[in-house]
Amino acid sequence: MAAGTAEIREDTAPEKTRTRLLTTALRLFTEHGVEGTSLQMIADALGVTKAAVYYHFKTKDEIAEAVAEPGMRELAALVQEGLKVRRRGAQIDFVLEGFVDLVVRHRSLVALFSSDPGIARALERGFHTSVDMKEGLITLFVGEDPDVSGVITAHVLLTGLALTGGAPTLADLDDETLRASLLEVGRKLLGRRARRIC
């Protein structure tokens, strides 16, 4: 076990090793689900012992939270930056483009989040602000006091863009085509509402 720990520590830098570990975990989570992926499977895929994985993370839940963290951090930053944009039309465009970029950049994670309850639980545990972020996005899209139609439109938009962006059937679609198509659909969904509230 000590040899495996030394092996993973010697891999140039701990941060590079951690990145490799998280990339491998995301791939395995995507293939087998969070519940279906063991720490031993992650260690085997990296070519190290389980003790080497423990050097970086004590539990699989910690790994799942760390896998989700970059996307959640970017989402929080998008909401904060969106709140600074004063003109409604510009605010809607900024947030729509930012959300679509985030979905495309984190396609594997979005697909996992959409289909795996294990990653959803990790998000709940690790990111207590995720509900606030979703509410913040809805407010940015449809304003402070939206009617029921506006709230439904925002939910359809967020869920639809995320589910479509992470859809396994679109995994071979290049990023630019996916991005352009998601933006086109998002603008159509928000188009009438965006003109009305600008």
N, C-alpha and C. Protein backbone atom coordinates (compact mmCIF):
# COMPACT_ATOMS: atom_id res chain seq x y z
N MET A 1 0.82 -1.20 0.00
CA MET A 1 0.00 0.00 0.00
C MET A 1 0.85 1.25 0.00
N ALA A 2 1.92 1.24 0.76
CA ALA A 2 2.78 2.41 0.81
C ALA A 2 3.36 2.72 -0.56
N ALA A 3 3.68 1.67 -1.33
CA ALA A 3 4.23 1.89 -2.66
C ALA A 3 3.21 2.59 -3.55
N GLY A 4 1.95 2.18 -3.45
CA GLY A 4 0.91 2.83 -4.26
C GLY A 4 0.74 4.29 -3.90
N THR A 5 0.82 4.59 -2.61
CA THR A 5 0.70 5.98 -2.18
C THR A 5 1.87 6.78 -2.71
N ALA A 6 3.08 6.22 -2.62
CA ALA A 6 4.25 6.92 -3.13
C ALA A 6 4.12 7.14 -4.63
N GLU A 7 3.59 6.11 -5.32
CA GLU A 7 3.45 6.19 -6.77
C GLU A 7 2.57 7.37 -7.18
N ILE A 8 1.44 7.53 -6.52
CA ILE A 8 0.54 8.60 -6.91
C ILE A 8 1.10 9.97 -6.49
N ARG A 9 1.86 10.02 -5.39
CA ARG A 9 2.45 11.29 -4.95
C ARG A 9 3.57 11.73 -5.88
N GLU A 10 4.28 10.78 -6.45
CA GLU A 10 5.42 11.11 -7.30
C GLU A 10 4.98 11.56 -8.70
N ASP A 11 3.74 11.45 -9.02
CA ASP A 11 3.23 11.80 -10.34
C ASP A 11 3.28 13.31 -10.53
N THR A 12 4.43 13.85 -10.73
CA THR A 12 4.77 15.27 -10.91
C THR A 12 4.26 16.18 -9.81
N ALA A 13 2.96 16.29 -9.61
CA ALA A 13 2.44 17.21 -8.60
C ALA A 13 1.11 16.68 -8.10
N PRO A 14 0.81 16.90 -6.79
CA PRO A 14 -0.46 16.42 -6.25
C PRO A 14 -1.67 16.97 -7.01
N GLU A 15 -1.59 18.21 -7.48
CA GLU A 15 -2.73 18.81 -8.19
C GLU A 15 -2.99 18.10 -9.51
N LYS A 16 -1.92 17.73 -10.22
CA LYS A 16 -2.08 17.00 -11.48
C LYS A 16 -2.69 15.62 -11.22
N THR A 17 -2.23 14.98 -10.16
CA THR A 17 -2.76 13.67 -9.79
C THR A 17 -4.24 13.77 -9.42
N ARG A 18 -4.58 14.79 -8.66
CA ARG A 18 -5.97 15.01 -8.26
C ARG A 18 -6.85 15.22 -9.50
N THR A 19 -6.35 15.99 -10.46
CA THR A 19 -7.09 16.23 -11.70
C THR A 19 -7.29 14.92 -12.46
N ARG A 20 -6.24 14.11 -12.55
CA ARG A 20 -6.36 12.80 -13.22
C ARG A 20 -7.38 11.92 -12.51
N LEU A 21 -7.34 11.94 -11.19
CA LEU A 21 -8.26 11.13 -10.40
C LEU A 21 -9.70 11.56 -10.67
N LEU A 22 -9.95 12.87 -10.67
CA LEU A 22 -11.32 13.37 -10.89
C LEU A 22 -11.80 13.11 -12.31
N THR A 23 -10.90 13.24 -13.28
CA THR A 23 -11.26 12.94 -14.67
C THR A 23 -11.63 11.47 -14.82
N THR A 24 -10.85 10.61 -14.19
CA THR A 24 -11.12 9.17 -14.23
C THR A 24 -12.44 8.86 -13.51
N ALA A 25 -12.65 9.48 -12.35
CA ALA A 25 -13.89 9.25 -11.60
C ALA A 25 -15.10 9.68 -12.42
N LEU A 26 -15.02 10.84 -13.07
CA LEU A 26 -16.15 11.29 -13.88
C LEU A 26 -16.45 10.30 -15.00
N ARG A 27 -15.41 9.80 -15.65
CA ARG A 27 -15.62 8.81 -16.72
C ARG A 27 -16.29 7.55 -16.16
N LEU A 28 -15.81 7.07 -15.03
CA LEU A 28 -16.39 5.85 -14.43
C LEU A 28 -17.80 6.11 -13.91
N PHE A 29 -18.03 7.28 -13.32
CA PHE A 29 -19.39 7.62 -12.87
C PHE A 29 -20.34 7.64 -14.06
N THR A 30 -19.87 8.17 -15.19
CA THR A 30 -20.70 8.24 -16.39
C THR A 30 -21.02 6.85 -16.91
N GLU A 31 -20.04 5.95 -16.86
CA GLU A 31 -20.23 4.58 -17.36
C GLU A 31 -21.03 3.71 -16.41
N HIS A 32 -20.80 3.85 -15.09
CA HIS A 32 -21.38 2.91 -14.12
C HIS A 32 -22.31 3.55 -13.09
N GLY A 33 -22.42 4.88 -13.10
CA GLY A 33 -23.16 5.58 -12.07
C GLY A 33 -22.29 5.75 -10.84
N VAL A 34 -22.66 6.69 -10.00
CA VAL A 34 -21.89 6.92 -8.77
C VAL A 34 -21.97 5.69 -7.88
N GLU A 35 -23.19 5.17 -7.69
CA GLU A 35 -23.36 4.00 -6.82
C GLU A 35 -22.63 2.78 -7.36
N GLY A 36 -22.55 2.67 -8.68
CA GLY A 36 -21.93 1.49 -9.29
C GLY A 36 -20.42 1.58 -9.44
N THR A 37 -19.83 2.69 -9.01
CA THR A 37 -18.39 2.88 -9.10
C THR A 37 -17.79 2.78 -7.70
N SER A 38 -16.81 1.93 -7.55
CA SER A 38 -16.15 1.78 -6.24
C SER A 38 -14.82 2.53 -6.26
N LEU A 39 -14.31 2.79 -5.06
CA LEU A 39 -12.98 3.39 -4.96
C LEU A 39 -11.93 2.47 -5.59
N GLN A 40 -12.14 1.16 -5.47
CA GLN A 40 -11.20 0.22 -6.07
C GLN A 40 -11.21 0.34 -7.59
N MET A 41 -12.38 0.53 -8.18
CA MET A 41 -12.46 0.71 -9.64
C MET A 41 -11.69 1.95 -10.08
N ILE A 42 -11.82 3.03 -9.30
CA ILE A 42 -11.10 4.26 -9.62
C ILE A 42 -9.59 4.02 -9.52
N ALA A 43 -9.18 3.35 -8.44
CA ALA A 43 -7.76 3.04 -8.26
C ALA A 43 -7.24 2.18 -9.41
N ASP A 44 -8.00 1.14 -9.77
CA ASP A 44 -7.58 0.25 -10.86
C ASP A 44 -7.44 1.02 -12.18
N ALA A 45 -8.39 1.89 -12.46
CA ALA A 45 -8.33 2.66 -13.71
C ALA A 45 -7.13 3.60 -13.74
N LEU A 46 -6.72 4.08 -12.56
CA LEU A 46 -5.54 4.95 -12.47
C LEU A 46 -4.23 4.15 -12.42
N GLY A 47 -4.35 2.85 -12.13
CA GLY A 47 -3.15 2.02 -12.00
C GLY A 47 -2.43 2.21 -10.68
N VAL A 48 -3.21 2.50 -9.61
CA VAL A 48 -2.64 2.70 -8.28
C VAL A 48 -3.43 1.87 -7.27
N THR A 49 -2.99 1.87 -6.02
CA THR A 49 -3.73 1.17 -4.98
C THR A 49 -4.87 2.05 -4.46
N LYS A 50 -5.79 1.42 -3.77
CA LYS A 50 -6.89 2.18 -3.16
C LYS A 50 -6.35 3.16 -2.13
N ALA A 51 -5.27 2.80 -1.45
CA ALA A 51 -4.65 3.70 -0.47
C ALA A 51 -4.18 4.99 -1.13
N ALA A 52 -3.76 4.89 -2.37
CA ALA A 52 -3.32 6.09 -3.09
C ALA A 52 -4.50 7.02 -3.35
N VAL A 53 -5.67 6.45 -3.62
CA VAL A 53 -6.88 7.27 -3.79
C VAL A 53 -7.24 7.92 -2.46
N TYR A 54 -7.14 7.15 -1.37
CA TYR A 54 -7.44 7.68 -0.03
C TYR A 54 -6.53 8.86 0.35
N TYR A 55 -5.36 8.91 -0.25
CA TYR A 55 -4.46 10.02 0.03
C TYR A 55 -5.13 11.36 -0.35
N HIS A 56 -5.93 11.33 -1.40
CA HIS A 56 -6.59 12.55 -1.90
C HIS A 56 -8.02 12.71 -1.39
N PHE A 57 -8.74 11.60 -1.26
CA PHE A 57 -10.15 11.64 -0.86
C PHE A 57 -10.44 10.48 0.07
N LYS A 58 -11.21 10.76 1.13
CA LYS A 58 -11.52 9.71 2.11
C LYS A 58 -12.73 8.88 1.71
N THR A 59 -13.64 9.46 0.91
CA THR A 59 -14.85 8.72 0.53
C THR A 59 -15.20 8.99 -0.93
N LYS A 60 -16.03 8.13 -1.46
CA LYS A 60 -16.53 8.33 -2.82
C LYS A 60 -17.40 9.58 -2.89
N ASP A 61 -18.13 9.87 -1.81
CA ASP A 61 -18.94 11.09 -1.78
C ASP A 61 -18.07 12.33 -1.95
N GLU A 62 -16.91 12.35 -1.30
CA GLU A 62 -15.99 13.48 -1.46
C GLU A 62 -15.54 13.61 -2.92
N ILE A 63 -15.32 12.48 -3.56
CA ILE A 63 -14.92 12.50 -4.97
C ILE A 63 -16.06 13.05 -5.83
N ALA A 64 -17.29 12.59 -5.58
CA ALA A 64 -18.43 13.07 -6.35
C ALA A 64 -18.61 14.58 -6.18
N GLU A 65 -18.45 15.08 -4.95
CA GLU A 65 -18.54 16.52 -4.71
C GLU A 65 -17.45 17.27 -5.46
N ALA A 66 -16.23 16.71 -5.44
CA ALA A 66 -15.11 17.38 -6.12
C ALA A 66 -15.29 17.36 -7.64
N VAL A 67 -15.89 16.29 -8.17
CA VAL A 67 -16.17 16.22 -9.60
C VAL A 67 -17.15 17.33 -9.99
N ALA A 68 -18.15 17.57 -9.15
CA ALA A 68 -19.18 18.56 -9.45
C ALA A 68 -18.74 19.99 -9.16
N GLU A 69 -17.73 20.17 -8.33
CA GLU A 69 -17.36 21.50 -7.84
C GLU A 69 -17.04 22.53 -8.91
N PRO A 70 -16.26 22.23 -9.96
CA PRO A 70 -15.97 23.27 -10.95
C PRO A 70 -17.23 23.81 -11.63
N GLY A 71 -18.13 22.93 -12.01
CA GLY A 71 -19.37 23.37 -12.64
C GLY A 71 -20.23 24.21 -11.71
N MET A 72 -20.31 23.80 -10.45
CA MET A 72 -21.11 24.55 -9.49
C MET A 72 -20.49 25.92 -9.20
N ARG A 73 -19.17 25.96 -9.13
CA ARG A 73 -18.48 27.23 -8.91
C ARG A 73 -18.74 28.19 -10.08
N GLU A 74 -18.68 27.66 -11.31
CA GLU A 74 -18.94 28.48 -12.49
C GLU A 74 -20.39 28.96 -12.52
N LEU A 75 -21.31 28.10 -12.11
CA LEU A 75 -22.72 28.49 -12.09
C LEU A 75 -22.94 29.62 -11.08
N ALA A 76 -22.33 29.51 -9.92
CA ALA A 76 -22.46 30.57 -8.91
C ALA A 76 -21.89 31.88 -9.43
N ALA A 77 -20.75 31.81 -10.11
CA ALA A 77 -20.14 33.02 -10.66
C ALA A 77 -21.02 33.63 -11.74
N LEU A 78 -21.66 32.78 -12.56
CA LEU A 78 -22.56 33.27 -13.60
C LEU A 78 -23.73 34.05 -13.00
N VAL A 79 -24.31 33.50 -11.95
CA VAL A 79 -25.43 34.18 -11.29
C VAL A 79 -24.96 35.52 -10.72
N GLN A 80 -23.81 35.53 -10.05
CA GLN A 80 -23.30 36.78 -9.47
C GLN A 80 -23.00 37.83 -10.54
N GLU A 81 -22.38 37.41 -11.63
CA GLU A 81 -22.07 38.35 -12.71
C GLU A 81 -23.34 38.82 -13.41
N GLY A 82 -24.29 37.91 -13.57
CA GLY A 82 -25.55 38.27 -14.21
C GLY A 82 -26.31 39.33 -13.43
N LEU A 83 -26.23 39.26 -12.11
CA LEU A 83 -26.91 40.25 -11.27
C LEU A 83 -26.34 41.65 -11.44
N LYS A 84 -25.10 41.75 -11.91
CA LYS A 84 -24.46 43.05 -12.10
C LYS A 84 -24.87 43.73 -13.41
N VAL A 85 -25.42 42.95 -14.34
CA VAL A 85 -25.83 43.52 -15.64
C VAL A 85 -27.16 44.24 -15.43
N ARG A 86 -27.21 45.50 -15.76
CA ARG A 86 -28.38 46.33 -15.42
C ARG A 86 -29.50 46.29 -16.45
N ARG A 87 -29.19 46.28 -17.72
CA ARG A 87 -30.24 46.29 -18.74
C ARG A 87 -30.82 44.89 -18.90
N ARG A 88 -32.14 44.74 -18.80
CA ARG A 88 -32.78 43.42 -18.78
C ARG A 88 -32.43 42.58 -20.00
N GLY A 89 -32.53 43.15 -21.19
CA GLY A 89 -32.22 42.37 -22.39
C GLY A 89 -30.79 41.86 -22.38
N ALA A 90 -29.85 42.73 -22.00
CA ALA A 90 -28.45 42.33 -21.93
C ALA A 90 -28.24 41.28 -20.84
N GLN A 91 -28.96 41.42 -19.74
CA GLN A 91 -28.85 40.47 -18.64
C GLN A 91 -29.31 39.07 -19.09
N ILE A 92 -30.44 39.03 -19.77
CA ILE A 92 -30.96 37.74 -20.26
C ILE A 92 -29.98 37.10 -21.24
N ASP A 93 -29.47 37.89 -22.20
CA ASP A 93 -28.50 37.36 -23.16
C ASP A 93 -27.25 36.85 -22.46
N PHE A 94 -26.73 37.62 -21.50
CA PHE A 94 -25.52 37.25 -20.77
C PHE A 94 -25.71 35.92 -20.05
N VAL A 95 -26.82 35.78 -19.35
CA VAL A 95 -27.06 34.57 -18.56
C VAL A 95 -27.35 33.37 -19.46
N LEU A 96 -28.12 33.57 -20.52
CA LEU A 96 -28.40 32.48 -21.45
C LEU A 96 -27.11 31.97 -22.07
N GLU A 97 -26.30 32.88 -22.59
CA GLU A 97 -25.04 32.46 -23.22
C GLU A 97 -24.12 31.80 -22.20
N GLY A 98 -24.05 32.35 -21.00
CA GLY A 98 -23.20 31.77 -19.96
C GLY A 98 -23.66 30.38 -19.55
N PHE A 99 -24.99 30.20 -19.41
CA PHE A 99 -25.52 28.90 -19.01
C PHE A 99 -25.27 27.87 -20.11
N VAL A 100 -25.50 28.25 -21.36
CA VAL A 100 -25.25 27.32 -22.47
C VAL A 100 -23.77 26.96 -22.53
N ASP A 101 -22.88 27.94 -22.38
CA ASP A 101 -21.44 27.65 -22.37
C ASP A 101 -21.09 26.67 -21.27
N LEU A 102 -21.66 26.86 -20.10
CA LEU A 102 -21.41 25.97 -18.96
C LEU A 102 -21.88 24.55 -19.27
N VAL A 103 -23.08 24.43 -19.83
CA VAL A 103 -23.63 23.11 -20.18
C VAL A 103 -22.73 22.41 -21.18
N VAL A 104 -22.29 23.14 -22.21
CA VAL A 104 -21.45 22.53 -23.24
C VAL A 104 -20.08 22.15 -22.67
N ARG A 105 -19.50 23.02 -21.87
CA ARG A 105 -18.17 22.77 -21.30
C ARG A 105 -18.18 21.56 -20.35
N HIS A 106 -19.29 21.35 -19.66
CA HIS A 106 -19.39 20.27 -18.67
C HIS A 106 -20.42 19.22 -19.10
N ARG A 107 -20.39 18.84 -20.36
CA ARG A 107 -21.40 17.93 -20.91
C ARG A 107 -21.50 16.63 -20.11
N SER A 108 -20.36 16.03 -19.80
CA SER A 108 -20.38 14.74 -19.08
C SER A 108 -20.99 14.89 -17.69
N LEU A 109 -20.63 15.96 -17.00
CA LEU A 109 -21.16 16.20 -15.67
C LEU A 109 -22.66 16.48 -15.73
N VAL A 110 -23.08 17.26 -16.72
CA VAL A 110 -24.51 17.58 -16.87
C VAL A 110 -25.29 16.30 -17.15
N ALA A 111 -24.76 15.44 -17.99
CA ALA A 111 -25.43 14.16 -18.28
C ALA A 111 -25.54 13.33 -17.01
N LEU A 112 -24.48 13.30 -16.24
CA LEU A 112 -24.47 12.53 -15.00
C LEU A 112 -25.47 13.11 -14.00
N PHE A 113 -25.46 14.43 -13.85
CA PHE A 113 -26.38 15.09 -12.94
C PHE A 113 -27.83 14.82 -13.33
N SER A 114 -28.10 14.77 -14.63
CA SER A 114 -29.46 14.56 -15.12
C SER A 114 -29.95 13.14 -14.92
N SER A 115 -29.01 12.19 -14.79
CA SER A 115 -29.44 10.80 -14.77
C SER A 115 -29.06 10.01 -13.52
N ASP A 116 -28.20 10.56 -12.67
CA ASP A 116 -27.68 9.77 -11.55
C ASP A 116 -28.02 10.40 -10.21
N PRO A 117 -28.82 9.71 -9.39
CA PRO A 117 -29.16 10.28 -8.09
C PRO A 117 -27.96 10.42 -7.16
N GLY A 118 -26.90 9.65 -7.38
CA GLY A 118 -25.71 9.74 -6.54
C GLY A 118 -25.04 11.10 -6.67
N ILE A 119 -24.96 11.63 -7.87
CA ILE A 119 -24.34 12.95 -8.04
C ILE A 119 -25.27 14.04 -7.53
N ALA A 120 -26.58 13.84 -7.66
CA ALA A 120 -27.54 14.81 -7.12
C ALA A 120 -27.40 14.90 -5.61
N ARG A 121 -27.23 13.75 -4.93
CA ARG A 121 -27.05 13.76 -3.48
C ARG A 121 -25.75 14.46 -3.11
N ALA A 122 -24.70 14.22 -3.90
CA ALA A 122 -23.41 14.88 -3.64
C ALA A 122 -23.56 16.39 -3.76
N LEU A 123 -24.34 16.84 -4.72
CA LEU A 123 -24.57 18.27 -4.89
C LEU A 123 -25.32 18.84 -3.71
N GLU A 124 -26.32 18.12 -3.24
CA GLU A 124 -27.08 18.58 -2.07
C GLU A 124 -26.19 18.69 -0.84
N ARG A 125 -25.31 17.70 -0.64
CA ARG A 125 -24.43 17.70 0.52
C ARG A 125 -23.36 18.78 0.41
N GLY A 126 -22.76 18.87 -0.74
CA GLY A 126 -21.60 19.74 -0.91
C GLY A 126 -21.92 21.18 -1.26
N PHE A 127 -23.10 21.42 -1.81
CA PHE A 127 -23.41 22.76 -2.31
C PHE A 127 -24.81 23.14 -1.87
N HIS A 128 -24.90 23.64 -0.65
CA HIS A 128 -26.19 24.00 -0.08
C HIS A 128 -26.80 25.19 -0.80
N THR A 129 -26.01 25.89 -1.61
CA THR A 129 -26.52 27.06 -2.31
C THR A 129 -27.11 26.71 -3.67
N SER A 130 -27.14 25.42 -4.06
CA SER A 130 -27.60 25.08 -5.40
C SER A 130 -29.05 25.49 -5.64
N VAL A 131 -29.91 25.40 -4.61
CA VAL A 131 -31.29 25.85 -4.76
C VAL A 131 -31.32 27.36 -4.98
N ASP A 132 -30.51 28.10 -4.23
CA ASP A 132 -30.43 29.55 -4.40
C ASP A 132 -29.95 29.91 -5.80
N MET A 133 -28.98 29.14 -6.31
CA MET A 133 -28.48 29.41 -7.66
C MET A 133 -29.57 29.20 -8.70
N LYS A 134 -30.35 28.13 -8.54
CA LYS A 134 -31.43 27.87 -9.49
C LYS A 134 -32.46 28.99 -9.42
N GLU A 135 -32.82 29.39 -8.23
CA GLU A 135 -33.76 30.50 -8.08
C GLU A 135 -33.19 31.79 -8.65
N GLY A 136 -31.89 31.99 -8.47
CA GLY A 136 -31.23 33.17 -9.03
C GLY A 136 -31.28 33.17 -10.55
N LEU A 137 -31.06 32.01 -11.15
CA LEU A 137 -31.15 31.91 -12.61
C LEU A 137 -32.57 32.21 -13.09
N ILE A 138 -33.55 31.66 -12.40
CA ILE A 138 -34.94 31.90 -12.79
C ILE A 138 -35.26 33.40 -12.72
N THR A 139 -34.82 34.04 -11.65
CA THR A 139 -35.05 35.49 -11.51
C THR A 139 -34.35 36.25 -12.62
N LEU A 140 -33.13 35.86 -12.95
CA LEU A 140 -32.41 36.55 -14.02
C LEU A 140 -33.12 36.41 -15.36
N PHE A 141 -33.72 35.26 -15.61
CA PHE A 141 -34.41 35.05 -16.87
C PHE A 141 -35.77 35.73 -16.94
N VAL A 142 -36.53 35.71 -15.85
CA VAL A 142 -37.92 36.20 -15.95
C VAL A 142 -38.26 37.32 -14.99
N GLY A 143 -37.28 37.87 -14.29
CA GLY A 143 -37.53 39.02 -13.45
C GLY A 143 -37.88 38.67 -12.01
N GLU A 144 -38.04 39.72 -11.21
CA GLU A 144 -38.25 39.58 -9.77
C GLU A 144 -39.58 38.95 -9.38
N ASP A 145 -40.63 39.32 -10.05
CA ASP A 145 -41.96 38.85 -9.66
C ASP A 145 -42.69 38.26 -10.87
N PRO A 146 -42.19 37.11 -11.36
CA PRO A 146 -42.76 36.55 -12.59
C PRO A 146 -44.12 35.91 -12.36
N ASP A 147 -44.90 35.85 -13.43
CA ASP A 147 -46.15 35.11 -13.36
C ASP A 147 -45.85 33.62 -13.51
N VAL A 148 -46.88 32.79 -13.37
CA VAL A 148 -46.69 31.33 -13.44
C VAL A 148 -46.09 30.92 -14.77
N SER A 149 -46.55 31.54 -15.85
CA SER A 149 -46.03 31.22 -17.17
C SER A 149 -44.53 31.50 -17.25
N GLY A 150 -44.09 32.61 -16.66
CA GLY A 150 -42.67 32.94 -16.66
C GLY A 150 -41.84 31.94 -15.90
N VAL A 151 -42.32 31.53 -14.74
CA VAL A 151 -41.61 30.54 -13.93
C VAL A 151 -41.51 29.21 -14.69
N ILE A 152 -42.61 28.80 -15.30
CA ILE A 152 -42.60 27.54 -16.07
C ILE A 152 -41.64 27.64 -17.24
N THR A 153 -41.66 28.77 -17.94
CA THR A 153 -40.74 28.97 -19.06
C THR A 153 -39.30 28.83 -18.60
N ALA A 154 -38.96 29.46 -17.48
CA ALA A 154 -37.58 29.39 -16.97
C ALA A 154 -37.20 27.97 -16.59
N HIS A 155 -38.11 27.23 -15.95
CA HIS A 155 -37.83 25.83 -15.60
C HIS A 155 -37.64 24.97 -16.84
N VAL A 156 -38.51 25.15 -17.82
CA VAL A 156 -38.39 24.39 -19.07
C VAL A 156 -37.06 24.72 -19.74
N LEU A 157 -36.72 25.99 -19.74
CA LEU A 157 -35.47 26.43 -20.36
C LEU A 157 -34.26 25.78 -19.68
N LEU A 158 -34.16 25.93 -18.37
CA LEU A 158 -33.00 25.40 -17.64
C LEU A 158 -32.91 23.88 -17.74
N THR A 159 -34.03 23.22 -17.50
CA THR A 159 -34.04 21.75 -17.55
C THR A 159 -33.80 21.25 -18.96
N GLY A 160 -34.48 21.87 -19.92
CA GLY A 160 -34.34 21.45 -21.32
C GLY A 160 -32.93 21.62 -21.85
N LEU A 161 -32.33 22.77 -21.58
CA LEU A 161 -30.96 23.00 -22.05
C LEU A 161 -29.99 22.02 -21.41
N ALA A 162 -30.15 21.78 -20.10
CA ALA A 162 -29.25 20.86 -19.40
C ALA A 162 -29.43 19.42 -19.90
N LEU A 163 -30.67 18.96 -19.96
CA LEU A 163 -30.91 17.58 -20.41
C LEU A 163 -30.44 17.36 -21.84
N THR A 164 -30.69 18.34 -22.70
CA THR A 164 -30.28 18.21 -24.09
C THR A 164 -28.76 18.29 -24.22
N GLY A 165 -28.15 19.24 -23.52
CA GLY A 165 -26.69 19.36 -23.59
C GLY A 165 -25.96 18.13 -23.09
N GLY A 166 -26.54 17.44 -22.13
CA GLY A 166 -25.92 16.24 -21.59
C GLY A 166 -26.44 14.95 -22.17
N ALA A 167 -27.28 15.02 -23.19
CA ALA A 167 -27.90 13.81 -23.76
C ALA A 167 -26.85 12.90 -24.39
N PRO A 168 -26.80 11.64 -23.99
CA PRO A 168 -25.84 10.70 -24.58
C PRO A 168 -26.00 10.58 -26.09
N THR A 169 -27.22 10.74 -26.60
CA THR A 169 -27.43 10.62 -28.04
C THR A 169 -26.78 11.76 -28.82
N LEU A 170 -26.41 12.85 -28.13
CA LEU A 170 -25.76 13.98 -28.79
C LEU A 170 -24.27 14.07 -28.45
N ALA A 171 -23.75 13.02 -27.83
CA ALA A 171 -22.35 13.05 -27.37
C ALA A 171 -21.37 13.26 -28.53
N ASP A 172 -21.70 12.83 -29.73
CA ASP A 172 -20.79 12.98 -30.87
C ASP A 172 -20.92 14.34 -31.55
N LEU A 173 -21.91 15.13 -31.17
CA LEU A 173 -22.10 16.45 -31.77
C LEU A 173 -20.99 17.38 -31.28
N ASP A 174 -20.37 18.12 -32.19
CA ASP A 174 -19.28 19.00 -31.78
C ASP A 174 -19.82 20.15 -30.93
N ASP A 175 -18.93 20.71 -30.11
CA ASP A 175 -19.33 21.73 -29.14
C ASP A 175 -19.96 22.96 -29.79
N GLU A 176 -19.38 23.43 -30.89
CA GLU A 176 -19.91 24.65 -31.52
C GLU A 176 -21.32 24.45 -32.06
N THR A 177 -21.57 23.31 -32.68
CA THR A 177 -22.91 23.02 -33.20
C THR A 177 -23.91 22.92 -32.06
N LEU A 178 -23.51 22.21 -31.00
CA LEU A 178 -24.40 22.07 -29.85
C LEU A 178 -24.67 23.44 -29.23
N ARG A 179 -23.64 24.23 -29.05
CA ARG A 179 -23.79 25.56 -28.45
C ARG A 179 -24.75 26.42 -29.28
N ALA A 180 -24.53 26.47 -30.59
CA ALA A 180 -25.38 27.30 -31.45
C ALA A 180 -26.83 26.83 -31.41
N SER A 181 -27.03 25.53 -31.41
CA SER A 181 -28.40 24.99 -31.38
C SER A 181 -29.10 25.27 -30.06
N LEU A 182 -28.37 25.09 -28.95
CA LEU A 182 -28.97 25.37 -27.64
C LEU A 182 -29.31 26.85 -27.50
N LEU A 183 -28.43 27.72 -27.98
CA LEU A 183 -28.72 29.16 -27.92
C LEU A 183 -29.95 29.51 -28.76
N GLU A 184 -30.05 28.91 -29.93
CA GLU A 184 -31.20 29.19 -30.79
C GLU A 184 -32.51 28.78 -30.11
N VAL A 185 -32.53 27.60 -29.52
CA VAL A 185 -33.73 27.13 -28.82
C VAL A 185 -34.01 28.00 -27.60
N GLY A 186 -32.96 28.32 -26.84
CA GLY A 186 -33.14 29.17 -25.66
C GLY A 186 -33.71 30.53 -26.02
N ARG A 187 -33.21 31.11 -27.10
CA ARG A 187 -33.73 32.42 -27.54
C ARG A 187 -35.18 32.32 -27.98
N LYS A 188 -35.52 31.22 -28.64
CA LYS A 188 -36.92 31.05 -29.05
C LYS A 188 -37.83 30.94 -27.82
N LEU A 189 -37.38 30.18 -26.82
CA LEU A 189 -38.19 30.04 -25.61
C LEU A 189 -38.36 31.36 -24.88
N LEU A 190 -37.31 32.15 -24.85
CA LEU A 190 -37.35 33.41 -24.12
C LEU A 190 -37.71 34.61 -25.00
N GLY A 191 -37.70 34.42 -26.30
CA GLY A 191 -37.86 35.54 -27.22
C GLY A 191 -39.02 36.46 -26.92
N ARG A 192 -40.23 35.96 -26.87
CA ARG A 192 -41.40 36.80 -26.62
C ARG A 192 -41.32 37.41 -25.24
N ARG A 193 -40.98 36.61 -24.23
CA ARG A 193 -40.88 37.10 -22.86
C ARG A 193 -39.76 38.12 -22.76
N ALA A 194 -38.62 37.89 -23.40
CA ALA A 194 -37.51 38.82 -23.32
C ALA A 194 -37.89 40.18 -23.89
N ARG A 195 -38.62 40.19 -25.01
CA ARG A 195 -39.04 41.47 -25.59
C ARG A 195 -40.02 42.18 -24.68
N ARG A 196 -40.88 41.42 -24.04
CA ARG A 196 -41.91 42.03 -23.19
C ARG A 196 -41.32 42.66 -21.93
N ILE A 197 -40.26 42.06 -21.37
CA ILE A 197 -39.75 42.56 -20.10
C ILE A 197 -38.53 43.44 -20.24
N CYS A 198 -38.02 43.64 -21.46
CA CYS A 198 -36.84 44.49 -21.64
C CYS A 198 -37.20 45.93 -21.34
